[in-house]
Amino acid sequence: MSQNTHSLDIEFSDNNILSSLFGVNDINIQTLEKINNVKIQYRGNKVKIYGSKTSIKVTKNELINLFEEAKKGIEID
């Protein structure tokens, strides 16, 4: 990764909701990566986002918003 690549760690409170957030075969994560030009890695309830500062900020906000929607039972697709 280049010098301009940054990273951010996020920890979510409910591991079970993350599976619906990430989607089947992580399709939702792959979509976010393409749209925001970031790389997302996760293990358990911890998510790490790599990319430019701006892209990371946008992706973090999107993930948090989608997580809140998934907590309400809304299907993420």
N, C-alpha and C. Protein backbone atom coordinates (compact mmCIF):
# COMPACT_ATOMS: atom_id res chain seq x y z
N MET A 1 0.83 -1.18 0.00
CA MET A 1 0.00 0.00 0.00
C MET A 1 0.88 1.24 0.00
N SER A 2 0.37 2.30 -0.57
CA SER A 2 1.15 3.52 -0.71
C SER A 2 1.23 4.29 0.60
N GLN A 3 2.05 5.32 0.59
CA GLN A 3 2.21 6.16 1.77
C GLN A 3 0.91 6.88 2.13
N ASN A 4 0.06 7.10 1.15
CA ASN A 4 -1.19 7.82 1.39
C ASN A 4 -2.30 6.92 1.92
N THR A 5 -1.97 5.67 2.18
CA THR A 5 -2.98 4.75 2.69
C THR A 5 -3.01 4.83 4.21
N HIS A 6 -4.21 5.00 4.72
CA HIS A 6 -4.42 5.07 6.16
C HIS A 6 -5.32 3.90 6.55
N SER A 7 -5.48 3.71 7.85
CA SER A 7 -6.40 2.66 8.30
C SER A 7 -7.16 3.14 9.53
N LEU A 8 -8.30 2.49 9.73
CA LEU A 8 -9.16 2.82 10.87
C LEU A 8 -9.79 1.53 11.37
N ASP A 9 -9.81 1.36 12.68
CA ASP A 9 -10.44 0.19 13.30
C ASP A 9 -11.79 0.60 13.87
N ILE A 10 -12.78 -0.25 13.63
CA ILE A 10 -14.12 -0.06 14.20
C ILE A 10 -14.49 -1.36 14.90
N GLU A 11 -15.11 -1.25 16.06
CA GLU A 11 -15.60 -2.44 16.76
C GLU A 11 -17.11 -2.30 16.91
N PHE A 12 -17.83 -3.30 16.40
CA PHE A 12 -19.29 -3.30 16.47
C PHE A 12 -19.75 -4.11 17.67
N SER A 13 -20.91 -3.75 18.21
CA SER A 13 -21.37 -4.34 19.46
C SER A 13 -22.01 -5.72 19.29
N ASP A 14 -22.52 -6.03 18.12
CA ASP A 14 -23.25 -7.29 17.94
C ASP A 14 -22.74 -8.05 16.73
N ASN A 15 -22.02 -9.12 17.02
CA ASN A 15 -21.43 -9.95 15.98
C ASN A 15 -22.48 -10.58 15.07
N ASN A 16 -23.64 -10.92 15.61
CA ASN A 16 -24.67 -11.59 14.82
C ASN A 16 -25.23 -10.70 13.73
N ILE A 17 -25.32 -9.42 13.99
CA ILE A 17 -25.86 -8.49 13.00
C ILE A 17 -24.88 -8.28 11.85
N LEU A 18 -23.60 -8.45 12.13
CA LEU A 18 -22.60 -8.21 11.09
C LEU A 18 -22.77 -9.15 9.90
N SER A 19 -23.22 -10.37 10.13
CA SER A 19 -23.38 -11.30 9.01
C SER A 19 -24.41 -10.78 8.02
N SER A 20 -25.50 -10.19 8.51
CA SER A 20 -26.48 -9.62 7.58
C SER A 20 -25.97 -8.32 6.98
N LEU A 21 -25.17 -7.59 7.73
CA LEU A 21 -24.57 -6.36 7.21
C LEU A 21 -23.59 -6.66 6.08
N PHE A 22 -22.75 -7.68 6.26
CA PHE A 22 -21.73 -8.00 5.27
C PHE A 22 -22.31 -8.68 4.04
N GLY A 23 -23.43 -9.39 4.21
CA GLY A 23 -24.09 -10.04 3.08
C GLY A 23 -23.53 -11.42 2.79
N VAL A 24 -24.25 -12.13 1.94
CA VAL A 24 -23.83 -13.47 1.53
C VAL A 24 -22.51 -13.36 0.78
N ASN A 25 -21.54 -14.18 1.20
CA ASN A 25 -20.19 -14.15 0.61
C ASN A 25 -19.58 -12.75 0.61
N ASP A 26 -19.94 -11.95 1.62
CA ASP A 26 -19.38 -10.60 1.80
C ASP A 26 -19.68 -9.66 0.63
N ILE A 27 -20.76 -9.90 -0.08
CA ILE A 27 -21.07 -9.09 -1.26
C ILE A 27 -21.24 -7.61 -0.92
N ASN A 28 -21.82 -7.31 0.24
CA ASN A 28 -22.00 -5.91 0.63
C ASN A 28 -20.66 -5.23 0.91
N ILE A 29 -19.74 -5.97 1.52
CA ILE A 29 -18.40 -5.43 1.79
C ILE A 29 -17.68 -5.17 0.47
N GLN A 30 -17.78 -6.12 -0.44
CA GLN A 30 -17.13 -5.96 -1.75
C GLN A 30 -17.69 -4.75 -2.49
N THR A 31 -18.99 -4.53 -2.39
CA THR A 31 -19.61 -3.37 -3.03
C THR A 31 -19.10 -2.07 -2.42
N LEU A 32 -19.04 -2.01 -1.09
CA LEU A 32 -18.50 -0.81 -0.43
C LEU A 32 -17.05 -0.55 -0.82
N GLU A 33 -16.27 -1.64 -0.91
CA GLU A 33 -14.86 -1.49 -1.30
C GLU A 33 -14.75 -0.85 -2.69
N LYS A 34 -15.56 -1.33 -3.62
CA LYS A 34 -15.50 -0.80 -4.99
C LYS A 34 -15.98 0.64 -5.05
N ILE A 35 -17.10 0.93 -4.41
CA ILE A 35 -17.68 2.28 -4.46
C ILE A 35 -16.74 3.31 -3.82
N ASN A 36 -16.17 2.96 -2.67
CA ASN A 36 -15.38 3.93 -1.89
C ASN A 36 -13.88 3.81 -2.09
N ASN A 37 -13.45 2.86 -2.93
CA ASN A 37 -12.02 2.65 -3.18
C ASN A 37 -11.24 2.42 -1.88
N VAL A 38 -11.73 1.46 -1.09
CA VAL A 38 -11.09 1.08 0.16
C VAL A 38 -10.92 -0.44 0.20
N LYS A 39 -10.19 -0.90 1.19
CA LYS A 39 -10.07 -2.33 1.47
C LYS A 39 -10.61 -2.54 2.87
N ILE A 40 -11.50 -3.51 3.03
CA ILE A 40 -12.11 -3.78 4.34
C ILE A 40 -11.74 -5.19 4.77
N GLN A 41 -11.20 -5.30 5.96
CA GLN A 41 -10.90 -6.59 6.55
C GLN A 41 -11.66 -6.69 7.86
N TYR A 42 -12.05 -7.90 8.23
CA TYR A 42 -12.74 -8.05 9.50
C TYR A 42 -12.42 -9.39 10.12
N ARG A 43 -12.56 -9.41 11.44
CA ARG A 43 -12.44 -10.63 12.22
C ARG A 43 -13.36 -10.45 13.41
N GLY A 44 -14.33 -11.33 13.51
CA GLY A 44 -15.31 -11.20 14.59
C GLY A 44 -16.07 -9.91 14.43
N ASN A 45 -16.09 -9.11 15.48
CA ASN A 45 -16.84 -7.85 15.42
C ASN A 45 -15.93 -6.64 15.18
N LYS A 46 -14.68 -6.90 14.80
CA LYS A 46 -13.73 -5.82 14.53
C LYS A 46 -13.51 -5.68 13.02
N VAL A 47 -13.64 -4.45 12.56
CA VAL A 47 -13.50 -4.14 11.14
C VAL A 47 -12.36 -3.15 10.98
N LYS A 48 -11.52 -3.38 9.97
CA LYS A 48 -10.43 -2.46 9.67
C LYS A 48 -10.62 -1.98 8.23
N ILE A 49 -10.57 -0.67 8.05
CA ILE A 49 -10.75 -0.06 6.73
C ILE A 49 -9.43 0.58 6.32
N TYR A 50 -8.98 0.29 5.10
CA TYR A 50 -7.76 0.87 4.55
C TYR A 50 -8.12 1.73 3.35
N GLY A 51 -7.48 2.90 3.24
CA GLY A 51 -7.70 3.76 2.09
C GLY A 51 -7.29 5.18 2.42
N SER A 52 -7.78 6.12 1.62
CA SER A 52 -7.50 7.53 1.89
C SER A 52 -8.33 7.97 3.10
N LYS A 53 -7.92 9.04 3.75
CA LYS A 53 -8.64 9.51 4.93
C LYS A 53 -10.11 9.79 4.60
N THR A 54 -10.36 10.42 3.46
CA THR A 54 -11.73 10.75 3.07
C THR A 54 -12.54 9.49 2.83
N SER A 55 -11.97 8.54 2.09
CA SER A 55 -12.68 7.29 1.78
C SER A 55 -12.97 6.49 3.05
N ILE A 56 -12.03 6.48 3.97
CA ILE A 56 -12.23 5.77 5.24
C ILE A 56 -13.38 6.39 6.01
N LYS A 57 -13.41 7.71 6.07
CA LYS A 57 -14.47 8.41 6.82
C LYS A 57 -15.84 8.10 6.23
N VAL A 58 -15.96 8.17 4.91
CA VAL A 58 -17.23 7.88 4.24
C VAL A 58 -17.64 6.44 4.50
N THR A 59 -16.70 5.51 4.37
CA THR A 59 -17.00 4.09 4.56
C THR A 59 -17.41 3.81 5.99
N LYS A 60 -16.72 4.42 6.95
CA LYS A 60 -17.07 4.23 8.37
C LYS A 60 -18.51 4.68 8.61
N ASN A 61 -18.86 5.85 8.12
CA ASN A 61 -20.22 6.36 8.31
C ASN A 61 -21.25 5.44 7.66
N GLU A 62 -20.95 4.95 6.47
CA GLU A 62 -21.88 4.04 5.78
C GLU A 62 -22.04 2.75 6.56
N LEU A 63 -20.93 2.19 7.05
CA LEU A 63 -21.00 0.94 7.83
C LEU A 63 -21.82 1.13 9.10
N ILE A 64 -21.61 2.23 9.79
CA ILE A 64 -22.35 2.48 11.03
C ILE A 64 -23.84 2.65 10.73
N ASN A 65 -24.16 3.39 9.68
CA ASN A 65 -25.57 3.57 9.30
C ASN A 65 -26.21 2.24 8.91
N LEU A 66 -25.50 1.44 8.12
CA LEU A 66 -26.02 0.14 7.70
C LEU A 66 -26.18 -0.80 8.90
N PHE A 67 -25.25 -0.73 9.85
CA PHE A 67 -25.33 -1.56 11.06
C PHE A 67 -26.59 -1.21 11.84
N GLU A 68 -26.88 0.09 11.96
CA GLU A 68 -28.08 0.52 12.68
C GLU A 68 -29.34 0.04 11.97
N GLU A 69 -29.34 0.08 10.64
CA GLU A 69 -30.47 -0.43 9.86
C GLU A 69 -30.63 -1.94 10.08
N ALA A 70 -29.53 -2.66 10.05
CA ALA A 70 -29.58 -4.12 10.25
C ALA A 70 -30.08 -4.47 11.65
N LYS A 71 -29.73 -3.65 12.66
CA LYS A 71 -30.21 -3.88 14.02
C LYS A 71 -31.73 -3.77 14.09
N LYS A 72 -32.31 -2.96 13.24
CA LYS A 72 -33.76 -2.79 13.20
C LYS A 72 -34.47 -3.91 12.43
N GLY A 73 -33.65 -4.82 11.86
CA GLY A 73 -34.23 -5.92 11.10
C GLY A 73 -34.40 -5.64 9.63
N ILE A 74 -33.87 -4.51 9.17
CA ILE A 74 -33.95 -4.17 7.76
C ILE A 74 -32.89 -4.95 7.00
N GLU A 75 -33.31 -5.58 5.89
CA GLU A 75 -32.38 -6.37 5.10
C GLU A 75 -31.45 -5.45 4.32
N ILE A 76 -30.16 -5.71 4.39
CA ILE A 76 -29.17 -4.90 3.70
C ILE A 76 -28.80 -5.60 2.41
N ASP A 77 -29.03 -4.90 1.28
CA ASP A 77 -28.65 -5.48 -0.02
C ASP A 77 -28.25 -4.41 -0.99
